[in-house]
Amino acid sequence: MASSRFIITVIGSDRVGIVARITTVMADFNVNIVDISQTIMQGIFTMIMLAEAPQDNFDLAAFQESMGAEGKNLGVEVKVQHEDVFRFMHRV
């Protein structure tokens, strides 16, 4: 099965439910977490995930919109970038 991989970043003031609500949106789109790092730095929540979704009929724009909307509801910033775009933007 072919797949697409994404880098998802979540940053904002810490509060209850961030991980639960973000991962619920991911599950709704059948997006799987491949790797995850999360920490709280002086009240600031930070999380970065490498995630994967099946390519068949996957709507990246709809996923980005839903993740952004949930982030807005939570008061955090959520970015979803295709892995290739992320690597290109952050290459040395």
PDB file of N, CA and C in Angstrom:
ATOM      1  N   MET A   1       0.850  -1.186   0.000  1.00  0.00           N
ATOM      2  CA  MET A   1       0.000   0.000   0.000  1.00  0.00           C
ATOM      3  C   MET A   1       0.885   1.235   0.000  1.00  0.00           C
ATOM      4  N   ALA A   2       0.662   2.149  -0.896  1.00  0.00           N
ATOM      5  CA  ALA A   2       1.397   3.402  -0.968  1.00  0.00           C
ATOM      6  C   ALA A   2       0.895   4.340   0.127  1.00  0.00           C
ATOM      7  N   SER A   3       1.770   5.261   0.533  1.00  0.00           N
ATOM      8  CA  SER A   3       1.356   6.181   1.591  1.00  0.00           C
ATOM      9  C   SER A   3       2.011   7.536   1.392  1.00  0.00           C
ATOM     10  N   SER A   4       1.499   8.508   2.123  1.00  0.00           N
ATOM     11  CA  SER A   4       2.075   9.844   2.168  1.00  0.00           C
ATOM     12  C   SER A   4       2.462  10.113   3.604  1.00  0.00           C
ATOM     13  N   ARG A   5       3.633  10.750   3.789  1.00  0.00           N
ATOM     14  CA  ARG A   5       4.088  11.082   5.131  1.00  0.00           C
ATOM     15  C   ARG A   5       4.087  12.587   5.313  1.00  0.00           C
ATOM     16  N   PHE A   6       3.784  12.996   6.547  1.00  0.00           N
ATOM     17  CA  PHE A   6       3.644  14.410   6.871  1.00  0.00           C
ATOM     18  C   PHE A   6       4.351  14.718   8.175  1.00  0.00           C
ATOM     19  N   ILE A   7       4.785  15.967   8.300  1.00  0.00           N
ATOM     20  CA  ILE A   7       5.278  16.485   9.558  1.00  0.00           C
ATOM     21  C   ILE A   7       4.161  17.367  10.107  1.00  0.00           C
ATOM     22  N   ILE A   8       3.748  17.091  11.331  1.00  0.00           N
ATOM     23  CA  ILE A   8       2.696  17.863  11.987  1.00  0.00           C
ATOM     24  C   ILE A   8       3.304  18.512  13.220  1.00  0.00           C
ATOM     25  N   THR A   9       3.188  19.830  13.311  1.00  0.00           N
ATOM     26  CA  THR A   9       3.683  20.542  14.490  1.00  0.00           C
ATOM     27  C   THR A   9       2.507  21.208  15.189  1.00  0.00           C
ATOM     28  N   VAL A  10       2.561  21.182  16.523  1.00  0.00           N
ATOM     29  CA  VAL A  10       1.523  21.784  17.355  1.00  0.00           C
ATOM     30  C   VAL A  10       2.246  22.595  18.434  1.00  0.00           C
ATOM     31  N   ILE A  11       1.958  23.888  18.506  1.00  0.00           N
ATOM     32  CA  ILE A  11       2.622  24.765  19.476  1.00  0.00           C
ATOM     33  C   ILE A  11       1.593  25.730  20.054  1.00  0.00           C
ATOM     34  N   GLY A  12       1.637  25.926  21.379  1.00  0.00           N
ATOM     35  CA  GLY A  12       0.756  26.895  22.020  1.00  0.00           C
ATOM     36  C   GLY A  12       0.747  26.726  23.516  1.00  0.00           C
ATOM     37  N   SER A  13      -0.061  27.505  24.180  1.00  0.00           N
ATOM     38  CA  SER A  13      -0.186  27.407  25.631  1.00  0.00           C
ATOM     39  C   SER A  13      -0.742  26.041  26.007  1.00  0.00           C
ATOM     40  N   ASP A  14      -0.141  25.455  27.035  1.00  0.00           N
ATOM     41  CA  ASP A  14      -0.561  24.131  27.476  1.00  0.00           C
ATOM     42  C   ASP A  14      -1.972  24.170  28.059  1.00  0.00           C
ATOM     43  N   ARG A  15      -2.721  23.137  27.790  1.00  0.00           N
ATOM     44  CA  ARG A  15      -4.055  22.967  28.362  1.00  0.00           C
ATOM     45  C   ARG A  15      -4.449  21.509  28.239  1.00  0.00           C
ATOM     46  N   VAL A  16      -5.436  21.104  28.965  1.00  0.00           N
ATOM     47  CA  VAL A  16      -5.924  19.732  28.936  1.00  0.00           C
ATOM     48  C   VAL A  16      -6.574  19.438  27.580  1.00  0.00           C
ATOM     49  N   GLY A  17      -6.273  18.273  27.017  1.00  0.00           N
ATOM     50  CA  GLY A  17      -6.988  17.793  25.840  1.00  0.00           C
ATOM     51  C   GLY A  17      -6.339  18.028  24.492  1.00  0.00           C
ATOM     52  N   ILE A  18      -5.174  18.677  24.446  1.00  0.00           N
ATOM     53  CA  ILE A  18      -4.567  18.971  23.138  1.00  0.00           C
ATOM     54  C   ILE A  18      -4.285  17.682  22.378  1.00  0.00           C
ATOM     55  N   VAL A  19      -3.554  16.765  22.995  1.00  0.00           N
ATOM     56  CA  VAL A  19      -3.185  15.525  22.309  1.00  0.00           C
ATOM     57  C   VAL A  19      -4.437  14.741  21.913  1.00  0.00           C
ATOM     58  N   ALA A  20      -5.383  14.644  22.817  1.00  0.00           N
ATOM     59  CA  ALA A  20      -6.611  13.885  22.536  1.00  0.00           C
ATOM     60  C   ALA A  20      -7.361  14.448  21.333  1.00  0.00           C
ATOM     61  N   ARG A  21      -7.525  15.747  21.290  1.00  0.00           N
ATOM     62  CA  ARG A  21      -8.328  16.341  20.206  1.00  0.00           C
ATOM     63  C   ARG A  21      -7.591  16.338  18.875  1.00  0.00           C
ATOM     64  N   ILE A  22      -6.280  16.565  18.888  1.00  0.00           N
ATOM     65  CA  ILE A  22      -5.506  16.528  17.638  1.00  0.00           C
ATOM     66  C   ILE A  22      -5.477  15.106  17.081  1.00  0.00           C
ATOM     67  N   THR A  23      -5.236  14.127  17.948  1.00  0.00           N
ATOM     68  CA  THR A  23      -5.177  12.750  17.450  1.00  0.00           C
ATOM     69  C   THR A  23      -6.553  12.219  17.040  1.00  0.00           C
ATOM     70  N   THR A  24      -7.617  12.773  17.571  1.00  0.00           N
ATOM     71  CA  THR A  24      -8.960  12.395  17.118  1.00  0.00           C
ATOM     72  C   THR A  24      -9.165  12.826  15.661  1.00  0.00           C
ATOM     73  N   VAL A  25      -8.738  14.034  15.326  1.00  0.00           N
ATOM     74  CA  VAL A  25      -8.828  14.494  13.930  1.00  0.00           C
ATOM     75  C   VAL A  25      -7.989  13.583  13.043  1.00  0.00           C
ATOM     76  N   MET A  26      -6.791  13.235  13.508  1.00  0.00           N
ATOM     77  CA  MET A  26      -5.934  12.339  12.726  1.00  0.00           C
ATOM     78  C   MET A  26      -6.626  10.999  12.486  1.00  0.00           C
ATOM     79  N   ALA A  27      -7.232  10.441  13.510  1.00  0.00           N
ATOM     80  CA  ALA A  27      -7.925   9.155  13.366  1.00  0.00           C
ATOM     81  C   ALA A  27      -9.096   9.263  12.398  1.00  0.00           C
ATOM     82  N   ASP A  28      -9.797  10.394  12.428  1.00  0.00           N
ATOM     83  CA  ASP A  28     -10.913  10.607  11.502  1.00  0.00           C
ATOM     84  C   ASP A  28     -10.463  10.534  10.046  1.00  0.00           C
ATOM     85  N   PHE A  29      -9.200  10.899   9.786  1.00  0.00           N
ATOM     86  CA  PHE A  29      -8.647  10.871   8.426  1.00  0.00           C
ATOM     87  C   PHE A  29      -7.777   9.636   8.185  1.00  0.00           C
ATOM     88  N   ASN A  30      -7.799   8.694   9.130  1.00  0.00           N
ATOM     89  CA  ASN A  30      -7.002   7.468   9.017  1.00  0.00           C
ATOM     90  C   ASN A  30      -5.504   7.770   8.933  1.00  0.00           C
ATOM     91  N   VAL A  31      -5.049   8.782   9.648  1.00  0.00           N
ATOM     92  CA  VAL A  31      -3.637   9.170   9.676  1.00  0.00           C
ATOM     93  C   VAL A  31      -2.984   8.521  10.893  1.00  0.00           C
ATOM     94  N   ASN A  32      -1.884   7.825  10.656  1.00  0.00           N
ATOM     95  CA  ASN A  32      -1.179   7.085  11.690  1.00  0.00           C
ATOM     96  C   ASN A  32       0.072   7.847  12.147  1.00  0.00           C
ATOM     97  N   ILE A  33       0.352   7.814  13.447  1.00  0.00           N
ATOM     98  CA  ILE A  33       1.576   8.410  13.982  1.00  0.00           C
ATOM     99  C   ILE A  33       2.715   7.417  13.813  1.00  0.00           C
ATOM    100  N   VAL A  34       3.779   7.848  13.105  1.00  0.00           N
ATOM    101  CA  VAL A  34       4.966   7.026  12.902  1.00  0.00           C
ATOM    102  C   VAL A  34       5.976   7.299  14.014  1.00  0.00           C
ATOM    103  N   ASP A  35       6.126   8.579  14.374  1.00  0.00           N
ATOM    104  CA  ASP A  35       7.037   8.982  15.446  1.00  0.00           C
ATOM    105  C   ASP A  35       6.486  10.264  16.061  1.00  0.00           C
ATOM    106  N   ILE A  36       6.765  10.471  17.340  1.00  0.00           N
ATOM    107  CA  ILE A  36       6.217  11.632  18.034  1.00  0.00           C
ATOM    108  C   ILE A  36       7.180  12.103  19.111  1.00  0.00           C
ATOM    109  N   SER A  37       7.247  13.418  19.262  1.00  0.00           N
ATOM    110  CA  SER A  37       7.998  14.041  20.350  1.00  0.00           C
ATOM    111  C   SER A  37       7.127  15.160  20.900  1.00  0.00           C
ATOM    112  N   GLN A  38       6.979  15.193  22.228  1.00  0.00           N
ATOM    113  CA  GLN A  38       6.113  16.194  22.850  1.00  0.00           C
ATOM    114  C   GLN A  38       6.737  16.616  24.160  1.00  0.00           C
ATOM    115  N   THR A  39       6.683  17.924  24.439  1.00  0.00           N
ATOM    116  CA  THR A  39       7.187  18.436  25.700  1.00  0.00           C
ATOM    117  C   THR A  39       6.444  19.714  26.066  1.00  0.00           C
ATOM    118  N   ILE A  40       6.568  20.087  27.311  1.00  0.00           N
ATOM    119  CA  ILE A  40       6.014  21.353  27.776  1.00  0.00           C
ATOM    120  C   ILE A  40       7.182  22.158  28.323  1.00  0.00           C
ATOM    121  N   MET A  41       7.385  23.347  27.769  1.00  0.00           N
ATOM    122  CA  MET A  41       8.483  24.218  28.181  1.00  0.00           C
ATOM    123  C   MET A  41       7.901  25.474  28.801  1.00  0.00           C
ATOM    124  N   GLN A  42       7.972  25.565  30.122  1.00  0.00           N
ATOM    125  CA  GLN A  42       7.477  26.726  30.857  1.00  0.00           C
ATOM    126  C   GLN A  42       6.056  27.116  30.434  1.00  0.00           C
ATOM    127  N   GLY A  43       5.190  26.124  30.380  1.00  0.00           N
ATOM    128  CA  GLY A  43       3.788  26.359  30.059  1.00  0.00           C
ATOM    129  C   GLY A  43       3.459  26.382  28.573  1.00  0.00           C
ATOM    130  N   ILE A  44       4.472  26.216  27.714  1.00  0.00           N
ATOM    131  CA  ILE A  44       4.246  26.174  26.264  1.00  0.00           C
ATOM    132  C   ILE A  44       4.292  24.718  25.805  1.00  0.00           C
ATOM    133  N   PHE A  45       3.193  24.268  25.223  1.00  0.00           N
ATOM    134  CA  PHE A  45       3.071  22.912  24.705  1.00  0.00           C
ATOM    135  C   PHE A  45       3.714  22.849  23.329  1.00  0.00           C
ATOM    136  N   THR A  46       4.573  21.854  23.102  1.00  0.00           N
ATOM    137  CA  THR A  46       5.161  21.653  21.778  1.00  0.00           C
ATOM    138  C   THR A  46       5.084  20.162  21.426  1.00  0.00           C
ATOM    139  N   MET A  47       4.673  19.888  20.211  1.00  0.00           N
ATOM    140  CA  MET A  47       4.605  18.511  19.745  1.00  0.00           C
ATOM    141  C   MET A  47       4.947  18.492  18.265  1.00  0.00           C
ATOM    142  N   ILE A  48       5.748  17.508  17.878  1.00  0.00           N
ATOM    143  CA  ILE A  48       6.035  17.291  16.460  1.00  0.00           C
ATOM    144  C   ILE A  48       5.844  15.809  16.184  1.00  0.00           C
ATOM    145  N   MET A  49       5.164  15.524  15.083  1.00  0.00           N
ATOM    146  CA  MET A  49       4.885  14.142  14.722  1.00  0.00           C
ATOM    147  C   MET A  49       5.272  13.887  13.274  1.00  0.00           C
ATOM    148  N   LEU A  50       5.774  12.704  13.037  1.00  0.00           N
ATOM    149  CA  LEU A  50       5.884  12.180  11.686  1.00  0.00           C
ATOM    150  C   LEU A  50       4.678  11.276  11.550  1.00  0.00           C
ATOM    151  N   ALA A  51       3.827  11.557  10.595  1.00  0.00           N
ATOM    152  CA  ALA A  51       2.577  10.827  10.437  1.00  0.00           C
ATOM    153  C   ALA A  51       2.459  10.308   9.012  1.00  0.00           C
ATOM    154  N   GLU A  52       1.617   9.315   8.847  1.00  0.00           N
ATOM    155  CA  GLU A  52       1.474   8.653   7.555  1.00  0.00           C
ATOM    156  C   GLU A  52       0.002   8.390   7.276  1.00  0.00           C
ATOM    157  N   ALA A  53      -0.378   8.587   6.011  1.00  0.00           N
ATOM    158  CA  ALA A  53      -1.760   8.327   5.591  1.00  0.00           C
ATOM    159  C   ALA A  53      -1.748   7.549   4.282  1.00  0.00           C
ATOM    160  N   PRO A  54      -2.736   6.709   4.089  1.00  0.00           N
ATOM    161  CA  PRO A  54      -2.845   6.020   2.800  1.00  0.00           C
ATOM    162  C   PRO A  54      -3.051   7.043   1.684  1.00  0.00           C
ATOM    163  N   GLN A  55      -2.419   6.834   0.549  1.00  0.00           N
ATOM    164  CA  GLN A  55      -2.556   7.775  -0.568  1.00  0.00           C
ATOM    165  C   GLN A  55      -3.910   7.667  -1.251  1.00  0.00           C
ATOM    166  N   ASP A  56      -4.501   6.492  -1.237  1.00  0.00           N
ATOM    167  CA  ASP A  56      -5.770   6.304  -1.932  1.00  0.00           C
ATOM    168  C   ASP A  56      -6.823   7.264  -1.393  1.00  0.00           C
ATOM    169  N   ASN A  57      -7.229   8.210  -2.230  1.00  0.00           N
ATOM    170  CA  ASN A  57      -8.292   9.165  -1.915  1.00  0.00           C
ATOM    171  C   ASN A  57      -8.015  10.050  -0.698  1.00  0.00           C
ATOM    172  N   PHE A  58      -6.738  10.230  -0.322  1.00  0.00           N
ATOM    173  CA  PHE A  58      -6.426  11.088   0.820  1.00  0.00           C
ATOM    174  C   PHE A  58      -6.495  12.544   0.380  1.00  0.00           C
ATOM    175  N   ASP A  59      -7.263  13.338   1.112  1.00  0.00           N
ATOM    176  CA  ASP A  59      -7.470  14.750   0.792  1.00  0.00           C
ATOM    177  C   ASP A  59      -6.624  15.601   1.740  1.00  0.00           C
ATOM    178  N   LEU A  60      -5.413  15.931   1.309  1.00  0.00           N
ATOM    179  CA  LEU A  60      -4.484  16.694   2.143  1.00  0.00           C
ATOM    180  C   LEU A  60      -5.065  18.049   2.532  1.00  0.00           C
ATOM    181  N   ALA A  61      -5.686  18.745   1.598  1.00  0.00           N
ATOM    182  CA  ALA A  61      -6.244  20.070   1.888  1.00  0.00           C
ATOM    183  C   ALA A  61      -7.316  19.984   2.980  1.00  0.00           C
ATOM    184  N   ALA A  62      -8.174  18.989   2.892  1.00  0.00           N
ATOM    185  CA  ALA A  62      -9.222  18.823   3.915  1.00  0.00           C
ATOM    186  C   ALA A  62      -8.605  18.477   5.262  1.00  0.00           C
ATOM    187  N   PHE A  63      -7.568  17.652   5.261  1.00  0.00           N
ATOM    188  CA  PHE A  63      -6.882  17.291   6.500  1.00  0.00           C
ATOM    189  C   PHE A  63      -6.226  18.523   7.124  1.00  0.00           C
ATOM    190  N   GLN A  64      -5.528  19.309   6.316  1.00  0.00           N
ATOM    191  CA  GLN A  64      -4.893  20.528   6.823  1.00  0.00           C
ATOM    192  C   GLN A  64      -5.933  21.489   7.392  1.00  0.00           C
ATOM    193  N   GLU A  65      -7.037  21.630   6.705  1.00  0.00           N
ATOM    194  CA  GLU A  65      -8.104  22.526   7.160  1.00  0.00           C
ATOM    195  C   GLU A  65      -8.697  22.051   8.495  1.00  0.00           C
ATOM    196  N   SER A  66      -8.960  20.756   8.604  1.00  0.00           N
ATOM    197  CA  SER A  66      -9.517  20.211   9.850  1.00  0.00           C
ATOM    198  C   SER A  66      -8.534  20.328  11.007  1.00  0.00           C
ATOM    199  N   MET A  67      -7.272  20.070  10.738  1.00  0.00           N
ATOM    200  CA  MET A  67      -6.258  20.183  11.792  1.00  0.00           C
ATOM    201  C   MET A  67      -6.111  21.644  12.231  1.00  0.00           C
ATOM    202  N   GLY A  68      -6.106  22.555  11.270  1.00  0.00           N
ATOM    203  CA  GLY A  68      -6.002  23.978  11.599  1.00  0.00           C
ATOM    204  C   GLY A  68      -7.205  24.462  12.393  1.00  0.00           C
ATOM    205  N   ALA A  69      -8.393  24.001  12.020  1.00  0.00           N
ATOM    206  CA  ALA A  69      -9.614  24.400  12.725  1.00  0.00           C
ATOM    207  C   ALA A  69      -9.596  23.878  14.160  1.00  0.00           C
ATOM    208  N   GLU A  70      -9.170  22.637  14.342  1.00  0.00           N
ATOM    209  CA  GLU A  70      -9.103  22.082  15.696  1.00  0.00           C
ATOM    210  C   GLU A  70      -8.053  22.827  16.517  1.00  0.00           C
ATOM    211  N   GLY A  71      -6.934  23.159  15.884  1.00  0.00           N
ATOM    212  CA  GLY A  71      -5.921  23.948  16.573  1.00  0.00           C
ATOM    213  C   GLY A  71      -6.462  25.298  17.014  1.00  0.00           C
ATOM    214  N   LYS A  72      -7.209  25.937  16.138  1.00  0.00           N
ATOM    215  CA  LYS A  72      -7.808  27.234  16.479  1.00  0.00           C
ATOM    216  C   LYS A  72      -8.759  27.097  17.663  1.00  0.00           C
ATOM    217  N   ASN A  73      -9.564  26.033  17.659  1.00  0.00           N
ATOM    218  CA  ASN A  73     -10.482  25.780  18.775  1.00  0.00           C
ATOM    219  C   ASN A  73      -9.731  25.583  20.090  1.00  0.00           C
ATOM    220  N   LEU A  74      -8.546  25.000  19.987  1.00  0.00           N
ATOM    221  CA  LEU A  74      -7.730  24.726  21.169  1.00  0.00           C
ATOM    222  C   LEU A  74      -6.845  25.914  21.576  1.00  0.00           C
ATOM    223  N   GLY A  75      -6.701  26.875  20.681  1.00  0.00           N
ATOM    224  CA  GLY A  75      -5.816  28.002  20.947  1.00  0.00           C
ATOM    225  C   GLY A  75      -4.354  27.679  20.715  1.00  0.00           C
ATOM    226  N   VAL A  76      -4.085  26.708  19.823  1.00  0.00           N
ATOM    227  CA  VAL A  76      -2.709  26.350  19.460  1.00  0.00           C
ATOM    228  C   VAL A  76      -2.543  26.460  17.948  1.00  0.00           C
ATOM    229  N   GLU A  77      -1.300  26.540  17.511  1.00  0.00           N
ATOM    230  CA  GLU A  77      -1.004  26.587  16.075  1.00  0.00           C
ATOM    231  C   GLU A  77      -0.658  25.186  15.603  1.00  0.00           C
ATOM    232  N   VAL A  78      -1.344  24.739  14.568  1.00  0.00           N
ATOM    233  CA  VAL A  78      -1.095  23.417  13.997  1.00  0.00           C
ATOM    234  C   VAL A  78      -0.684  23.593  12.542  1.00  0.00           C
ATOM    235  N   LYS A  79       0.452  22.987  12.186  1.00  0.00           N
ATOM    236  CA  LYS A  79       0.900  23.007  10.792  1.00  0.00           C
ATOM    237  C   LYS A  79       1.065  21.574  10.319  1.00  0.00           C
ATOM    238  N   VAL A  80       0.619  21.334   9.086  1.00  0.00           N
ATOM    239  CA  VAL A  80       0.773  20.027   8.458  1.00  0.00           C
ATOM    240  C   VAL A  80       1.505  20.257   7.144  1.00  0.00           C
ATOM    241  N   GLN A  81       2.681  19.645   7.018  1.00  0.00           N
ATOM    242  CA  GLN A  81       3.466  19.776   5.786  1.00  0.00           C
ATOM    243  C   GLN A  81       3.834  18.389   5.293  1.00  0.00           C
ATOM    244  N   HIS A  82       3.771  18.208   3.982  1.00  0.00           N
ATOM    245  CA  HIS A  82       4.237  16.951   3.410  1.00  0.00           C
ATOM    246  C   HIS A  82       5.712  16.799   3.773  1.00  0.00           C
ATOM    247  N   GLU A  83       6.138  15.583   4.061  1.00  0.00           N
ATOM    248  CA  GLU A  83       7.522  15.337   4.493  1.00  0.00           C
ATOM    249  C   GLU A  83       8.541  15.913   3.510  1.00  0.00           C
ATOM    250  N   ASP A  84       8.313  15.759   2.213  1.00  0.00           N
ATOM    251  CA  ASP A  84       9.259  16.263   1.217  1.00  0.00           C
ATOM    252  C   ASP A  84       9.396  17.785   1.294  1.00  0.00           C
ATOM    253  N   VAL A  85       8.276  18.487   1.473  1.00  0.00           N
ATOM    254  CA  VAL A  85       8.292  19.950   1.586  1.00  0.00           C
ATOM    255  C   VAL A  85       9.039  20.352   2.847  1.00  0.00           C
ATOM    256  N   PHE A  86       8.748  19.678   3.953  1.00  0.00           N
ATOM    257  CA  PHE A  86       9.416  19.986   5.221  1.00  0.00           C
ATOM    258  C   PHE A  86      10.924  19.806   5.097  1.00  0.00           C
ATOM    259  N   ARG A  87      11.352  18.690   4.528  1.00  0.00           N
ATOM    260  CA  ARG A  87      12.789  18.425   4.378  1.00  0.00           C
ATOM    261  C   ARG A  87      13.438  19.464   3.460  1.00  0.00           C
ATOM    262  N   PHE A  88      12.775  19.831   2.386  1.00  0.00           N
ATOM    263  CA  PHE A  88      13.328  20.815   1.464  1.00  0.00           C
ATOM    264  C   PHE A  88      13.491  22.166   2.156  1.00  0.00           C
ATOM    265  N   MET A  89      12.488  22.567   2.937  1.00  0.00           N
ATOM    266  CA  MET A  89      12.526  23.872   3.615  1.00  0.00           C
ATOM    267  C   MET A  89      13.568  23.913   4.727  1.00  0.00           C
ATOM    268  N   HIS A  90      13.930  22.761   5.295  1.00  0.00           N
ATOM    269  CA  HIS A  90      14.828  22.734   6.431  1.00  0.00           C
ATOM    270  C   HIS A  90      16.172  22.073   6.129  1.00  0.00           C
ATOM    271  N   ARG A  91      16.530  22.010   4.875  1.00  0.00           N
ATOM    272  CA  ARG A  91      17.819  21.412   4.532  1.00  0.00           C
ATOM    273  C   ARG A  91      18.938  22.403   4.775  1.00  0.00           C
ATOM    274  N   VAL A  92      20.113  21.867   5.018  1.00  0.00           N
ATOM    275  CA  VAL A  92      21.279  22.709   5.311  1.00  0.00           C
ATOM    276  C   VAL A  92      22.130  22.814   4.063  1.00  0.00           C
TER     277      VAL A  92
END
